[in-house]
Amino acid sequence: MPLLFSYGTLQQDDVQLATFGRLLSGEADALVGYAQTMVRIEDAEVVAKSGKTHHPIVAWSGRDADRVAGTAFEVSDAELAAADAYEVAAYKRVAAPLASGRTAWVYVDARGAP
């Protein structure tokens, strides 16, 4: 099963239920080489699911010392497609290294994706 790393709203129970129809099981981990900021969300459906107008977003920094805490979830290919549909155009899905040594899919700032 693919790993999906979330540092933001995909960790919320209500977003998981609305997006995947179930609560995900995952382990704490950290994204390596990225720094986190916030982005304004204009999509009313995404705001309704998350309850937030601003979501965290990460950008590649290239510095190993930069870490973003989050959760690595095991998801199916269909659930990965559902996550793609949930995320707005500001995000791009890439494979990225985690502190645990694993690699996971993660949504990063589309303007600076590696």
N, C-alpha and C. Protein backbone atom coordinates (compact mmCIF):
# COMPACT_ATOMS: atom_id res chain seq x y z
N MET A 1 0.84 -1.19 0.00
CA MET A 1 0.00 0.00 0.00
C MET A 1 0.88 1.25 0.00
N PRO A 2 0.45 2.27 -0.73
CA PRO A 2 1.22 3.52 -0.73
C PRO A 2 1.18 4.20 0.64
N LEU A 3 2.22 4.97 0.93
CA LEU A 3 2.24 5.82 2.12
C LEU A 3 1.90 7.24 1.70
N LEU A 4 1.05 7.89 2.48
CA LEU A 4 0.68 9.28 2.28
C LEU A 4 1.05 10.04 3.55
N PHE A 5 1.94 11.01 3.42
CA PHE A 5 2.35 11.80 4.58
C PHE A 5 1.50 13.07 4.64
N SER A 6 0.92 13.31 5.80
CA SER A 6 0.14 14.54 6.00
C SER A 6 0.70 15.34 7.16
N TYR A 7 0.82 16.63 6.93
CA TYR A 7 1.25 17.58 7.94
C TYR A 7 0.14 18.58 8.23
N GLY A 8 -1.03 18.36 7.61
CA GLY A 8 -2.11 19.33 7.71
C GLY A 8 -3.47 18.70 7.86
N THR A 9 -4.42 19.19 7.07
CA THR A 9 -5.84 18.86 7.27
C THR A 9 -6.18 17.39 7.01
N LEU A 10 -5.36 16.67 6.24
CA LEU A 10 -5.66 15.25 6.03
C LEU A 10 -5.45 14.42 7.30
N GLN A 11 -4.95 15.05 8.36
CA GLN A 11 -4.85 14.39 9.66
C GLN A 11 -6.14 14.52 10.46
N GLN A 12 -7.03 15.42 10.05
CA GLN A 12 -8.29 15.66 10.77
C GLN A 12 -9.29 14.54 10.52
N ASP A 13 -9.92 14.06 11.58
CA ASP A 13 -10.92 12.98 11.46
C ASP A 13 -12.03 13.35 10.48
N ASP A 14 -12.56 14.60 10.59
CA ASP A 14 -13.68 14.99 9.73
C ASP A 14 -13.28 15.03 8.25
N VAL A 15 -12.06 15.45 7.96
CA VAL A 15 -11.57 15.48 6.58
C VAL A 15 -11.36 14.06 6.07
N GLN A 16 -10.82 13.17 6.90
CA GLN A 16 -10.63 11.78 6.49
C GLN A 16 -11.97 11.12 6.18
N LEU A 17 -12.96 11.32 7.05
CA LEU A 17 -14.27 10.70 6.81
C LEU A 17 -14.90 11.24 5.54
N ALA A 18 -14.80 12.55 5.29
CA ALA A 18 -15.39 13.14 4.10
C ALA A 18 -14.63 12.76 2.83
N THR A 19 -13.34 12.56 2.93
CA THR A 19 -12.51 12.28 1.76
C THR A 19 -12.38 10.79 1.46
N PHE A 20 -12.21 9.99 2.52
CA PHE A 20 -11.93 8.56 2.34
C PHE A 20 -13.06 7.66 2.81
N GLY A 21 -14.01 8.19 3.57
CA GLY A 21 -15.10 7.39 4.10
C GLY A 21 -14.70 6.53 5.29
N ARG A 22 -13.52 6.80 5.82
CA ARG A 22 -13.03 6.06 6.99
C ARG A 22 -11.93 6.87 7.67
N LEU A 23 -11.60 6.48 8.90
CA LEU A 23 -10.46 7.06 9.59
C LEU A 23 -9.21 6.28 9.21
N LEU A 24 -8.15 7.00 8.90
CA LEU A 24 -6.90 6.37 8.51
C LEU A 24 -6.07 6.00 9.73
N SER A 25 -5.24 4.99 9.57
CA SER A 25 -4.31 4.58 10.60
C SER A 25 -2.92 4.99 10.14
N GLY A 26 -2.15 5.61 11.05
CA GLY A 26 -0.83 6.05 10.64
C GLY A 26 0.13 6.16 11.79
N GLU A 27 1.37 6.53 11.47
CA GLU A 27 2.43 6.67 12.45
C GLU A 27 3.05 8.06 12.34
N ALA A 28 3.42 8.63 13.48
CA ALA A 28 4.11 9.92 13.48
C ALA A 28 5.43 9.80 12.73
N ASP A 29 5.75 10.83 11.97
CA ASP A 29 7.00 10.87 11.22
C ASP A 29 7.29 12.33 10.92
N ALA A 30 8.30 12.59 10.14
CA ALA A 30 8.63 13.97 9.77
C ALA A 30 9.14 14.00 8.33
N LEU A 31 8.79 15.04 7.63
CA LEU A 31 9.22 15.29 6.26
C LEU A 31 10.57 16.01 6.33
N VAL A 32 11.53 15.52 5.58
CA VAL A 32 12.90 16.04 5.64
C VAL A 32 13.17 16.95 4.44
N GLY A 33 13.77 18.12 4.73
CA GLY A 33 14.18 19.02 3.66
C GLY A 33 13.11 19.98 3.19
N TYR A 34 12.08 20.17 3.98
CA TYR A 34 10.97 21.08 3.64
C TYR A 34 10.71 22.04 4.79
N ALA A 35 10.18 23.22 4.46
CA ALA A 35 9.77 24.21 5.45
C ALA A 35 8.29 24.51 5.24
N GLN A 36 7.58 24.79 6.33
CA GLN A 36 6.13 24.95 6.28
C GLN A 36 5.71 26.42 6.41
N THR A 37 4.68 26.79 5.62
CA THR A 37 4.01 28.08 5.73
C THR A 37 2.51 27.82 5.61
N MET A 38 1.74 28.86 5.33
CA MET A 38 0.29 28.71 5.17
C MET A 38 -0.13 29.23 3.79
N VAL A 39 -1.24 28.69 3.29
CA VAL A 39 -1.80 29.14 2.02
C VAL A 39 -3.31 29.34 2.21
N ARG A 40 -3.85 30.40 1.58
CA ARG A 40 -5.29 30.67 1.64
C ARG A 40 -6.01 29.73 0.67
N ILE A 41 -7.08 29.12 1.15
CA ILE A 41 -7.87 28.18 0.35
C ILE A 41 -9.14 28.89 -0.13
N GLU A 42 -9.34 28.92 -1.44
CA GLU A 42 -10.49 29.59 -2.05
C GLU A 42 -11.62 28.61 -2.36
N ASP A 43 -11.33 27.32 -2.44
CA ASP A 43 -12.31 26.30 -2.82
C ASP A 43 -13.29 26.09 -1.66
N ALA A 44 -14.56 26.46 -1.88
CA ALA A 44 -15.57 26.39 -0.82
C ALA A 44 -15.79 24.97 -0.30
N GLU A 45 -15.70 23.98 -1.17
CA GLU A 45 -15.90 22.59 -0.76
C GLU A 45 -14.78 22.13 0.18
N VAL A 46 -13.55 22.51 -0.13
CA VAL A 46 -12.41 22.15 0.71
C VAL A 46 -12.50 22.87 2.05
N VAL A 47 -12.88 24.14 2.03
CA VAL A 47 -13.05 24.90 3.27
C VAL A 47 -14.15 24.27 4.13
N ALA A 48 -15.24 23.83 3.49
CA ALA A 48 -16.33 23.18 4.23
C ALA A 48 -15.86 21.88 4.89
N LYS A 49 -15.05 21.10 4.18
CA LYS A 49 -14.56 19.83 4.74
C LYS A 49 -13.60 20.06 5.90
N SER A 50 -12.70 21.05 5.74
CA SER A 50 -11.65 21.26 6.74
C SER A 50 -12.06 22.22 7.84
N GLY A 51 -13.01 23.11 7.54
CA GLY A 51 -13.39 24.13 8.50
C GLY A 51 -12.37 25.25 8.59
N LYS A 52 -11.46 25.33 7.62
CA LYS A 52 -10.38 26.30 7.68
C LYS A 52 -10.18 27.00 6.33
N THR A 53 -9.94 28.32 6.36
CA THR A 53 -9.68 29.06 5.13
C THR A 53 -8.19 29.11 4.79
N HIS A 54 -7.33 28.75 5.73
CA HIS A 54 -5.89 28.70 5.50
C HIS A 54 -5.38 27.32 5.91
N HIS A 55 -4.61 26.71 5.02
CA HIS A 55 -4.06 25.37 5.27
C HIS A 55 -2.54 25.45 5.28
N PRO A 56 -1.89 24.55 6.02
CA PRO A 56 -0.44 24.47 5.94
C PRO A 56 -0.01 24.02 4.55
N ILE A 57 1.16 24.47 4.14
CA ILE A 57 1.76 24.05 2.87
C ILE A 57 3.26 24.00 3.08
N VAL A 58 3.93 23.09 2.42
CA VAL A 58 5.38 22.97 2.56
C VAL A 58 6.07 23.22 1.23
N ALA A 59 7.28 23.74 1.32
CA ALA A 59 8.11 23.98 0.14
C ALA A 59 9.49 23.39 0.37
N TRP A 60 10.08 22.88 -0.68
CA TRP A 60 11.41 22.28 -0.65
C TRP A 60 12.42 23.34 -0.23
N SER A 61 13.20 23.05 0.78
CA SER A 61 14.26 23.95 1.23
C SER A 61 15.63 23.37 0.89
N GLY A 62 15.69 22.04 0.79
CA GLY A 62 16.94 21.37 0.50
C GLY A 62 17.86 21.22 1.71
N ARG A 63 17.42 21.68 2.86
CA ARG A 63 18.24 21.59 4.08
C ARG A 63 17.76 20.41 4.92
N ASP A 64 18.67 19.47 5.19
CA ASP A 64 18.32 18.29 5.98
C ASP A 64 17.83 18.65 7.38
N ALA A 65 18.26 19.79 7.90
CA ALA A 65 17.85 20.22 9.24
C ALA A 65 16.39 20.67 9.28
N ASP A 66 15.81 21.03 8.11
CA ASP A 66 14.40 21.42 8.07
C ASP A 66 13.52 20.18 8.13
N ARG A 67 12.63 20.17 9.09
CA ARG A 67 11.72 19.03 9.28
C ARG A 67 10.31 19.55 9.50
N VAL A 68 9.33 18.83 8.97
CA VAL A 68 7.92 19.14 9.19
C VAL A 68 7.28 17.90 9.80
N ALA A 69 6.76 18.04 11.01
CA ALA A 69 6.12 16.92 11.70
C ALA A 69 4.76 16.61 11.07
N GLY A 70 4.40 15.33 11.12
CA GLY A 70 3.11 14.91 10.59
C GLY A 70 2.90 13.42 10.82
N THR A 71 2.06 12.83 9.97
CA THR A 71 1.69 11.43 10.09
C THR A 71 1.79 10.75 8.73
N ALA A 72 2.38 9.55 8.71
CA ALA A 72 2.45 8.72 7.51
C ALA A 72 1.32 7.70 7.58
N PHE A 73 0.42 7.77 6.61
CA PHE A 73 -0.75 6.88 6.56
C PHE A 73 -0.60 5.87 5.44
N GLU A 74 -1.02 4.62 5.69
CA GLU A 74 -1.14 3.65 4.61
C GLU A 74 -2.49 3.85 3.96
N VAL A 75 -2.49 4.04 2.64
CA VAL A 75 -3.72 4.27 1.89
C VAL A 75 -3.74 3.37 0.66
N SER A 76 -4.92 3.18 0.13
CA SER A 76 -5.06 2.43 -1.12
C SER A 76 -4.83 3.39 -2.30
N ASP A 77 -4.69 2.83 -3.48
CA ASP A 77 -4.54 3.67 -4.68
C ASP A 77 -5.80 4.53 -4.87
N ALA A 78 -6.97 3.97 -4.58
CA ALA A 78 -8.22 4.72 -4.71
C ALA A 78 -8.25 5.88 -3.70
N GLU A 79 -7.75 5.65 -2.50
CA GLU A 79 -7.72 6.71 -1.50
C GLU A 79 -6.71 7.79 -1.89
N LEU A 80 -5.61 7.40 -2.52
CA LEU A 80 -4.65 8.38 -3.00
C LEU A 80 -5.30 9.27 -4.07
N ALA A 81 -6.10 8.66 -4.93
CA ALA A 81 -6.83 9.44 -5.95
C ALA A 81 -7.85 10.38 -5.28
N ALA A 82 -8.48 9.93 -4.20
CA ALA A 82 -9.43 10.78 -3.47
C ALA A 82 -8.69 11.96 -2.83
N ALA A 83 -7.49 11.73 -2.33
CA ALA A 83 -6.68 12.82 -1.76
C ALA A 83 -6.30 13.81 -2.86
N ASP A 84 -5.97 13.30 -4.05
CA ASP A 84 -5.66 14.19 -5.18
C ASP A 84 -6.85 15.10 -5.48
N ALA A 85 -8.05 14.55 -5.43
CA ALA A 85 -9.26 15.33 -5.71
C ALA A 85 -9.52 16.37 -4.62
N TYR A 86 -9.15 16.06 -3.38
CA TYR A 86 -9.36 16.97 -2.26
C TYR A 86 -8.42 18.18 -2.33
N GLU A 87 -7.17 17.96 -2.68
CA GLU A 87 -6.18 19.03 -2.67
C GLU A 87 -6.42 20.02 -3.81
N VAL A 88 -6.19 21.30 -3.54
CA VAL A 88 -6.39 22.35 -4.53
C VAL A 88 -5.13 22.51 -5.38
N ALA A 89 -5.21 23.35 -6.41
CA ALA A 89 -4.13 23.50 -7.38
C ALA A 89 -2.83 24.03 -6.78
N ALA A 90 -2.87 24.62 -5.60
CA ALA A 90 -1.65 25.13 -4.96
C ALA A 90 -0.71 24.00 -4.56
N TYR A 91 -1.25 22.78 -4.49
CA TYR A 91 -0.48 21.63 -4.05
C TYR A 91 -0.16 20.69 -5.21
N LYS A 92 1.00 20.07 -5.14
CA LYS A 92 1.41 19.03 -6.09
C LYS A 92 1.87 17.83 -5.29
N ARG A 93 1.48 16.64 -5.69
CA ARG A 93 1.90 15.42 -4.98
C ARG A 93 3.25 14.96 -5.51
N VAL A 94 4.19 14.76 -4.57
CA VAL A 94 5.53 14.26 -4.92
C VAL A 94 5.92 13.17 -3.93
N ALA A 95 6.88 12.35 -4.31
CA ALA A 95 7.47 11.37 -3.39
C ALA A 95 8.60 12.08 -2.65
N ALA A 96 8.61 11.93 -1.33
CA ALA A 96 9.59 12.64 -0.52
C ALA A 96 10.10 11.76 0.62
N PRO A 97 11.34 12.03 1.07
CA PRO A 97 11.93 11.25 2.17
C PRO A 97 11.38 11.66 3.53
N LEU A 98 11.18 10.66 4.39
CA LEU A 98 10.75 10.91 5.76
C LEU A 98 11.91 10.62 6.70
N ALA A 99 11.82 11.16 7.90
CA ALA A 99 12.87 10.97 8.91
C ALA A 99 13.08 9.49 9.24
N SER A 100 12.02 8.69 9.13
CA SER A 100 12.09 7.26 9.43
C SER A 100 12.89 6.47 8.39
N GLY A 101 13.22 7.12 7.27
CA GLY A 101 13.90 6.42 6.19
C GLY A 101 12.96 5.95 5.10
N ARG A 102 11.67 6.03 5.36
CA ARG A 102 10.68 5.64 4.35
C ARG A 102 10.48 6.79 3.36
N THR A 103 9.86 6.49 2.24
CA THR A 103 9.46 7.49 1.26
C THR A 103 7.94 7.47 1.19
N ALA A 104 7.34 8.66 1.12
CA ALA A 104 5.89 8.76 1.09
C ALA A 104 5.46 9.82 0.08
N TRP A 105 4.24 9.68 -0.39
CA TRP A 105 3.63 10.74 -1.18
C TRP A 105 3.29 11.87 -0.22
N VAL A 106 3.51 13.10 -0.67
CA VAL A 106 3.19 14.28 0.13
C VAL A 106 2.78 15.41 -0.81
N TYR A 107 1.88 16.26 -0.34
CA TYR A 107 1.44 17.41 -1.12
C TYR A 107 2.28 18.62 -0.73
N VAL A 108 2.98 19.18 -1.72
CA VAL A 108 3.89 20.30 -1.51
C VAL A 108 3.44 21.49 -2.35
N ASP A 109 4.05 22.63 -2.09
CA ASP A 109 3.76 23.84 -2.85
C ASP A 109 4.07 23.59 -4.32
N ALA A 110 3.07 23.69 -5.18
CA ALA A 110 3.24 23.39 -6.60
C ALA A 110 4.21 24.35 -7.29
N ARG A 111 4.40 25.54 -6.72
CA ARG A 111 5.30 26.52 -7.34
C ARG A 111 6.76 26.18 -7.15
N GLY A 112 7.08 25.39 -6.13
CA GLY A 112 8.48 25.10 -5.85
C GLY A 112 8.75 23.63 -5.67
N ALA A 113 7.93 22.79 -6.28
CA ALA A 113 8.10 21.34 -6.12
C ALA A 113 9.42 20.90 -6.71
N PRO A 114 10.13 20.00 -6.04
CA PRO A 114 11.42 19.53 -6.56
C PRO A 114 11.26 18.68 -7.82
